Protein backbone atom coordinates (compact mmCIF):
# COMPACT_ATOMS: atom_id res chain seq x y z
CA MET A 1 106.34 73.94 119.16
CA LYS A 2 107.51 73.45 115.52
CA ILE A 3 106.44 76.75 113.80
CA LEU A 4 106.66 77.78 110.00
CA TYR A 5 107.15 81.46 110.18
CA GLY A 6 106.70 83.13 106.48
CA VAL A 7 107.90 86.90 105.73
CA VAL A 8 106.99 88.89 102.74
CA GLY A 9 109.77 90.87 101.26
CA GLU A 10 108.17 94.21 99.85
CA GLY A 11 110.07 97.03 101.98
CA MET A 12 112.00 96.07 105.33
CA GLY A 13 109.05 96.84 107.51
CA HIS A 14 107.89 93.25 107.55
CA ALA A 15 111.51 92.01 108.18
CA MET A 16 112.34 94.02 111.09
CA ARG A 17 108.84 93.58 112.81
CA SER A 18 109.03 89.81 112.04
CA ARG A 19 112.85 89.74 113.57
CA VAL A 20 110.97 90.89 116.75
CA VAL A 21 108.41 88.26 117.01
CA LEU A 22 110.80 85.53 115.93
CA GLU A 23 113.35 86.71 118.97
CA HIS A 24 110.57 85.95 121.18
CA LEU A 25 109.39 82.61 120.03
CA VAL A 26 112.75 81.40 119.78
CA GLY A 27 113.38 82.47 122.78
CA GLN A 28 110.35 80.92 124.31
CA GLY A 29 112.03 77.40 123.25
CA HIS A 30 109.93 77.23 119.92
CA GLU A 31 111.44 75.36 116.76
CA ILE A 32 111.26 77.88 113.80
CA GLU A 33 111.60 77.51 109.86
CA ILE A 34 111.54 80.69 108.16
CA MET A 35 110.46 81.45 104.42
CA ALA A 36 111.17 84.88 103.19
CA SER A 37 111.77 86.76 100.03
CA GLY A 38 113.59 89.75 98.85
CA ARG A 39 115.61 91.65 101.36
CA ALA A 40 113.82 90.41 104.27
CA ALA A 41 115.63 86.86 103.67
CA GLU A 42 118.87 88.75 103.74
CA PHE A 43 118.05 90.40 106.73
CA LEU A 44 116.87 87.55 108.74
CA THR A 45 119.65 85.32 107.25
CA LYS A 46 122.14 87.03 109.34
CA ARG A 47 119.94 86.88 112.48
CA PHE A 48 118.62 83.37 112.40
CA GLU A 49 119.18 79.42 111.26
CA GLY A 50 116.90 77.96 108.93
CA VAL A 51 115.80 80.64 106.59
CA ASN A 52 114.88 79.71 102.92
CA LYS A 53 114.40 82.34 100.28
CA ILE A 54 111.62 82.23 97.93
CA HIS A 55 110.03 84.42 95.41
CA GLY A 56 107.57 87.21 96.50
CA LEU A 57 105.89 89.90 95.34
CA HIS A 58 107.62 93.34 95.02
CA MET A 59 106.41 97.05 94.00
CA ILE A 60 108.30 99.44 91.74
CA TYR A 61 108.31 103.20 92.54
CA GLU A 62 109.02 106.14 90.56
CA GLU A 63 108.26 110.02 91.36
CA ASN A 64 106.82 108.82 94.72
CA ARG A 65 104.12 106.52 93.22
CA VAL A 66 103.53 103.09 92.46
CA ARG A 67 104.13 102.13 88.85
CA ARG A 68 101.54 99.62 88.59
CA GLY A 69 102.17 98.53 84.70
CA LYS A 70 106.05 97.99 85.39
CA THR A 71 105.15 96.50 88.99
CA PHE A 72 102.79 93.79 87.06
CA PHE A 73 105.35 92.82 84.46
CA SER A 74 107.97 92.38 86.94
CA ASN A 75 106.31 90.16 89.17
CA VAL A 76 104.91 88.25 85.92
CA THR A 77 108.59 87.48 84.49
CA GLN A 78 110.17 87.09 88.03
CA GLY A 79 107.83 85.09 89.35
CA ALA A 80 107.90 82.64 86.51
CA ALA A 81 111.68 82.66 86.72
CA GLY A 82 111.39 82.02 90.47
CA LEU A 83 108.49 79.39 90.59
CA PRO A 84 110.46 76.20 90.15
CA LYS A 85 112.66 77.16 93.17
CA ASN A 86 109.90 78.10 95.33
CA ILE A 87 108.21 74.28 94.83
CA ALA A 88 111.23 72.85 95.62
CA ALA A 89 111.60 74.41 98.76
CA TYR A 90 108.12 74.17 99.40
CA PHE A 91 108.58 70.01 98.91
CA GLU A 92 111.67 70.00 100.93
CA LEU A 93 110.05 71.67 103.58
CA ILE A 94 107.12 69.48 104.17
CA ARG A 95 110.02 66.42 104.17
CA ALA A 96 112.27 67.77 106.62
CA PHE A 97 110.60 70.17 109.15
CA ARG A 98 106.76 69.04 109.39
CA PRO A 99 105.53 72.15 111.34
CA GLU A 100 102.74 71.90 113.50
CA VAL A 101 101.38 75.67 113.29
CA VAL A 102 102.14 78.27 110.76
CA ILE A 103 102.54 82.10 111.20
CA SER A 104 102.64 84.37 108.47
CA ASP A 105 103.66 88.09 107.86
CA PHE A 106 101.39 88.61 104.94
CA GLU A 107 103.22 85.72 102.98
CA SER A 108 101.58 83.30 100.94
CA TRP A 109 103.77 80.27 100.38
CA THR A 110 103.52 79.47 104.04
CA TYR A 111 99.80 80.31 104.08
CA LEU A 112 99.36 77.59 101.35
CA PHE A 113 101.40 75.36 103.39
CA ALA A 114 99.14 75.50 105.98
CA LYS A 115 95.98 75.14 104.14
CA THR A 116 97.06 72.17 102.12
CA HIS A 117 98.01 70.39 105.06
CA GLY A 118 95.32 71.20 107.42
CA LEU A 119 97.25 73.06 109.91
CA PRO A 120 96.30 75.83 112.22
CA ILE A 121 97.28 79.48 110.79
CA LEU A 122 98.19 82.86 112.78
CA SER A 123 98.73 86.32 110.47
CA ILE A 124 100.49 88.84 112.32
CA ASP A 125 100.80 91.86 110.31
CA ASN A 126 99.54 95.43 109.85
CA MET A 127 98.02 95.33 106.50
CA GLN A 128 94.86 93.52 107.47
CA ILE A 129 93.65 96.26 109.10
CA ILE A 130 92.40 97.82 105.74
CA ASN A 131 90.17 94.67 105.31
CA ARG A 132 89.10 93.53 108.65
CA CYS A 133 87.99 96.73 110.40
CA THR A 134 85.95 99.72 109.26
CA HIS A 135 87.00 102.91 108.05
CA GLY A 136 84.80 105.76 107.69
CA PRO A 137 84.54 108.40 104.63
CA ASP A 138 87.14 110.70 106.00
CA ILE A 139 89.60 107.98 105.41
CA ILE A 140 88.78 106.65 102.09
CA ARG A 141 87.78 109.90 100.63
CA GLY A 142 89.38 110.64 97.33
CA ASP A 143 90.71 107.22 97.27
CA GLU A 144 87.87 104.86 96.80
CA ALA A 145 89.21 103.01 93.80
CA ASP A 146 92.71 102.39 95.57
CA PHE A 147 90.88 101.51 98.59
CA THR A 148 88.83 98.79 97.40
CA VAL A 149 91.41 97.26 94.98
CA THR A 150 93.71 97.14 98.26
CA ARG A 151 91.15 95.59 100.02
CA LEU A 152 90.19 93.03 97.70
CA PHE A 153 93.73 91.83 97.46
CA ILE A 154 94.47 91.86 101.11
CA LYS A 155 91.41 89.68 101.77
CA GLY A 156 92.20 87.45 98.88
CA LYS A 157 96.02 87.14 100.26
CA LEU A 158 95.44 85.28 103.41
CA PRO A 159 91.79 84.46 103.65
CA PHE A 160 90.28 82.06 106.43
CA CYS A 161 93.19 82.28 108.91
CA ASP A 162 92.34 80.86 112.32
CA HIS A 163 93.35 84.12 114.13
CA TYR A 164 94.22 87.67 112.89
CA LEU A 165 96.53 89.57 115.03
CA VAL A 166 96.99 93.03 113.51
CA THR A 167 99.38 95.90 114.93
CA SER A 168 98.25 99.33 114.72
CA PHE A 169 98.45 102.82 116.58
CA PHE A 170 95.28 103.57 115.66
CA ARG A 171 91.86 101.72 116.86
CA PRO A 172 89.46 101.47 114.18
CA PRO A 173 86.30 99.38 114.59
CA ILE A 174 86.72 95.47 114.04
CA ARG A 175 84.32 94.10 111.73
CA LYS A 176 85.30 90.49 111.15
CA PRO A 177 85.70 88.04 113.56
CA ARG A 178 88.99 86.20 114.87
CA THR A 179 90.43 89.63 114.83
CA THR A 180 92.54 91.28 117.40
CA LEU A 181 94.26 94.84 117.45
CA TYR A 182 97.63 95.26 119.07
CA PRO A 183 100.48 97.81 119.29
CA PRO A 184 103.02 98.58 117.06
CA ILE A 185 105.64 95.69 117.02
CA LEU A 186 108.74 98.11 118.17
CA ARG A 187 112.47 96.74 117.89
CA PRO A 188 114.74 96.65 120.90
CA GLU A 189 116.79 99.54 119.61
CA ILE A 190 113.66 101.74 119.76
CA LEU A 191 112.70 100.61 123.13
CA ARG A 192 116.03 101.08 124.47
CA ALA A 193 116.55 104.71 122.78
CA ASP A 194 117.24 107.80 124.89
CA ARG A 195 114.14 109.64 124.29
CA ARG A 196 114.40 113.52 124.80
CA GLU A 197 112.96 116.53 123.61
CA GLY A 198 115.20 118.15 121.16
CA ASP A 199 114.92 121.26 118.65
CA HIS A 200 115.76 119.68 115.56
CA LEU A 201 113.55 118.06 112.56
CA LEU A 202 114.23 114.48 111.46
CA VAL A 203 113.65 114.48 107.61
CA TYR A 204 113.65 111.10 105.82
CA GLN A 205 112.89 111.92 102.02
CA THR A 206 114.87 110.96 98.96
CA ALA A 207 116.18 113.57 96.39
CA GLU A 208 113.40 112.66 93.79
CA GLY A 209 110.93 114.98 93.44
CA ASN A 210 111.94 117.15 96.28
CA ASP A 211 114.23 119.85 94.58
CA ALA A 212 112.88 122.41 96.76
CA LEU A 213 112.75 120.80 99.95
CA ALA A 214 115.92 122.19 101.17
CA ASP A 215 114.94 125.79 100.54
CA THR A 216 111.71 125.27 102.48
CA LEU A 217 113.54 123.47 105.53
CA GLN A 218 115.96 126.21 105.70
CA LYS A 219 113.08 128.54 106.18
CA THR A 220 111.88 126.78 109.27
CA GLY A 221 114.80 128.24 111.02
CA LEU A 222 115.33 124.98 112.63
CA GLU A 223 118.25 122.47 112.52
CA CYS A 224 116.97 119.66 110.08
CA ARG A 225 119.22 116.35 110.36
CA MET A 226 118.59 115.09 106.98
CA TYR A 227 118.71 111.23 105.46
CA GLY A 228 118.13 110.15 102.12
CA MET A 229 118.55 113.20 100.31
CA ARG A 230 122.17 112.54 99.46
CA ARG A 231 122.67 108.93 98.82
CA GLY A 232 126.24 107.68 98.66
CA ILE A 233 127.76 110.19 101.25
CA THR A 234 130.04 108.95 103.81
CA GLU A 235 130.42 112.05 106.21
CA GLU A 236 127.91 114.63 107.40
CA GLN A 237 127.47 117.89 105.08
CA VAL A 238 126.56 120.85 106.63
CA GLU A 239 125.00 123.88 105.07
CA GLY A 240 123.32 126.58 107.33
CA ASN A 241 120.82 124.68 109.64
CA LEU A 242 120.67 121.73 107.23
CA ARG A 243 122.80 118.53 108.31
CA TYR A 244 122.96 116.12 105.67
CA ARG A 245 124.03 112.79 107.39
CA PRO A 246 125.31 109.24 106.17
CA PHE A 247 122.54 106.32 107.00
CA SER A 248 123.55 104.97 110.29
CA GLU A 249 120.85 103.00 111.95
CA GLU A 250 122.51 103.66 115.60
CA GLY A 251 122.55 107.54 114.64
CA PHE A 252 119.16 107.43 113.04
CA ILE A 253 117.56 106.23 116.10
CA ASP A 254 119.11 108.52 118.11
CA ASP A 255 118.29 111.75 115.98
CA LEU A 256 114.91 110.35 115.66
CA ALA A 257 114.51 109.94 119.90
CA SER A 258 115.90 113.30 120.50
CA ALA A 259 113.41 114.97 117.59
CA ARG A 260 110.88 117.85 117.87
CA ALA A 261 109.23 116.28 115.02
CA VAL A 262 109.57 114.17 112.01
CA ILE A 263 109.17 114.55 108.24
CA ALA A 264 108.94 111.14 106.19
CA GLY A 265 106.96 108.74 104.02
CA GLY A 266 103.66 106.89 105.08
CA GLY A 267 105.34 103.79 106.11
CA PHE A 268 104.14 102.03 109.02
CA THR A 269 107.39 101.14 111.07
CA LEU A 270 108.58 104.44 111.32
CA MET A 271 105.28 106.00 112.17
CA GLY A 272 104.81 103.51 114.76
CA GLU A 273 107.96 104.54 115.93
CA ALA A 274 107.46 108.00 116.18
CA VAL A 275 104.06 107.94 117.92
CA TYR A 276 105.99 105.42 120.26
CA LEU A 277 108.46 107.81 121.08
CA ARG A 278 106.11 110.52 120.84
CA LYS A 279 107.54 112.21 118.01
CA PRO A 280 104.94 114.58 115.90
CA MET A 281 105.15 113.53 112.27
CA LEU A 282 104.37 115.01 108.95
CA ALA A 283 103.84 111.81 106.69
CA VAL A 284 103.87 112.18 102.84
CA PRO A 285 102.15 108.60 101.55
CA ILE A 286 103.41 106.85 98.39
CA ARG A 287 100.65 107.77 95.94
CA HIS A 288 98.61 104.52 95.12
CA GLN A 289 99.79 103.02 98.02
CA PHE A 290 96.70 102.99 100.11
CA GLU A 291 98.29 101.55 103.30
CA GLN A 292 100.49 104.48 103.51
CA VAL A 293 97.78 106.94 102.65
CA LEU A 294 95.67 105.06 105.66
CA ASN A 295 98.50 105.31 107.85
CA ALA A 296 98.91 108.85 107.43
CA ARG A 297 95.41 109.87 107.65
CA TYR A 298 94.69 108.33 111.02
CA LEU A 299 98.27 109.31 111.88
CA GLU A 300 96.24 113.33 111.47
CA LYS A 301 92.72 112.13 112.88
CA GLU A 302 94.57 110.94 116.08
CA GLY A 303 96.20 114.38 116.20
CA TYR A 304 99.45 112.75 116.25
CA GLY A 305 100.61 114.68 113.25
CA ARG A 306 99.68 115.64 109.68
CA ALA A 307 99.35 114.03 106.05
CA ALA A 308 100.42 115.63 102.98
CA GLN A 309 100.29 114.55 99.45
CA SER A 310 103.38 116.45 98.68
CA LEU A 311 105.92 118.56 99.82
CA ALA A 312 106.45 121.10 97.12
CA ASP A 313 104.23 123.79 98.64
CA PRO A 314 106.17 125.40 101.21
CA ALA A 315 103.22 126.02 103.51
CA THR A 316 102.83 122.62 104.06
CA ILE A 317 106.06 122.18 106.15
CA LEU A 318 105.77 125.66 107.75
CA ASP A 319 101.92 125.03 108.98
CA PHE A 320 103.16 121.66 110.28
CA VAL A 321 106.19 123.10 112.39
CA LYS A 322 103.06 125.66 113.63
CA VAL A 323 101.35 122.35 115.05
CA VAL A 324 104.08 120.55 116.47
CA PRO A 325 103.28 121.62 120.28
CA GLU A 326 99.57 120.84 119.93
CA CYS A 327 100.56 117.52 118.27
CA ALA A 328 103.16 116.93 121.13
CA GLU A 329 100.30 117.25 123.68
CA ARG A 330 97.79 114.22 122.02
CA LEU A 331 100.96 112.04 121.71
CA ALA A 332 101.66 112.72 125.39
CA ARG A 333 98.46 110.96 126.20
CA TYR A 334 99.76 107.71 124.10
CA SER A 335 100.71 104.81 126.19
CA GLN A 336 102.38 101.39 125.14
CA ASP A 337 104.00 98.61 127.15
CA GLY A 338 106.51 97.71 124.79
CA ASN A 339 105.72 94.49 122.82
CA GLN A 340 104.30 92.64 125.91
CA GLU A 341 100.48 92.77 124.70
CA LEU A 342 101.27 91.14 121.84
CA PHE A 343 103.66 88.65 122.97
CA ASN A 344 100.77 87.55 125.48
CA GLY A 345 98.59 87.15 122.62
CA ILE A 346 100.72 85.04 120.53
CA ASP A 347 101.71 82.83 123.22
CA GLU A 348 98.05 82.29 124.20
CA LEU A 349 97.14 81.66 120.64
CA LEU A 350 100.15 79.00 120.48
CA ASP A 351 98.85 77.23 123.52
CA ARG A 352 95.22 76.76 122.12
CA ALA A 353 97.16 75.41 118.99
CA ALA A 354 99.00 73.12 120.72
CA ALA A 355 95.92 72.23 122.54
CA GLY A 356 93.75 71.30 119.60
CA VAL A 357 91.13 74.03 120.19
CA LEU A 358 92.46 77.05 118.05
CA SER A 359 89.62 76.70 115.41
């Protein structure tokens, strides 16, 4: 089939997960045209033909929180500048490609293309879990306003798709039809990783707002392999049990696969990879980004790790280290057959679309 595939460019998680799905679709013989924004477009252009760069929404972060005013102003001004280019790409696509089905990873232009041309559309992402599932008071307590705003935004982003394939390591009750939950999408590098038990902590944090973090990590007595704390370094710097490492995808994945536990943000991609590799995680979500708050709280609810608002209090990390064995026991029960379950679901829905029985 001819498939139009849209990828939102906010962060790199969507791009890395879409890469996996796109490789599967290409391997199945489908003809693909891709529309992506931001860093996602640059990432996918290196791996696929037919990538069209468009303007997309983005977030501005400062001091581990979303700056709403700056985010709104930046999107309005950059969106106005990018709109003519989006329209040109949009109509060129209509003329040249003529897709039979649309798949969107939280991307709006491809969704609008499908709706204005009566094409079947599938949604594949993790964000829809906020709107299409039921979440208890323990998950949203204290963040009711952020939850409501986020849910309404997601609800209005891609409404009335023919089916929603939602990726998640947790399984809340589904409250809307045409919705299926699947395990997280995993990169081939993660599937090939040599998972083993190690003694070090993998720490992925920025230096901003974490001035006392190094002192706390030293007190754990564990080797800490640290990424993001000293940006721009080209070789490892060792200070006692702390190892500041320059970023290397291969090195980072090996450190993750061999870690005793992980300390990082609330992003879904790394969290899903840590769960798959059965590595307990202390998650520190960005404030006012409810999707990350949701991920972290479910991580703790499942017993796979702990959620924290910040790392300012040394007890947060020291208490987490104490419960790592307990979290590892819970993670030992987690099971996932790579990406096969999701691939089967996609293939079945595309077969239905080709037969005209998807809606």
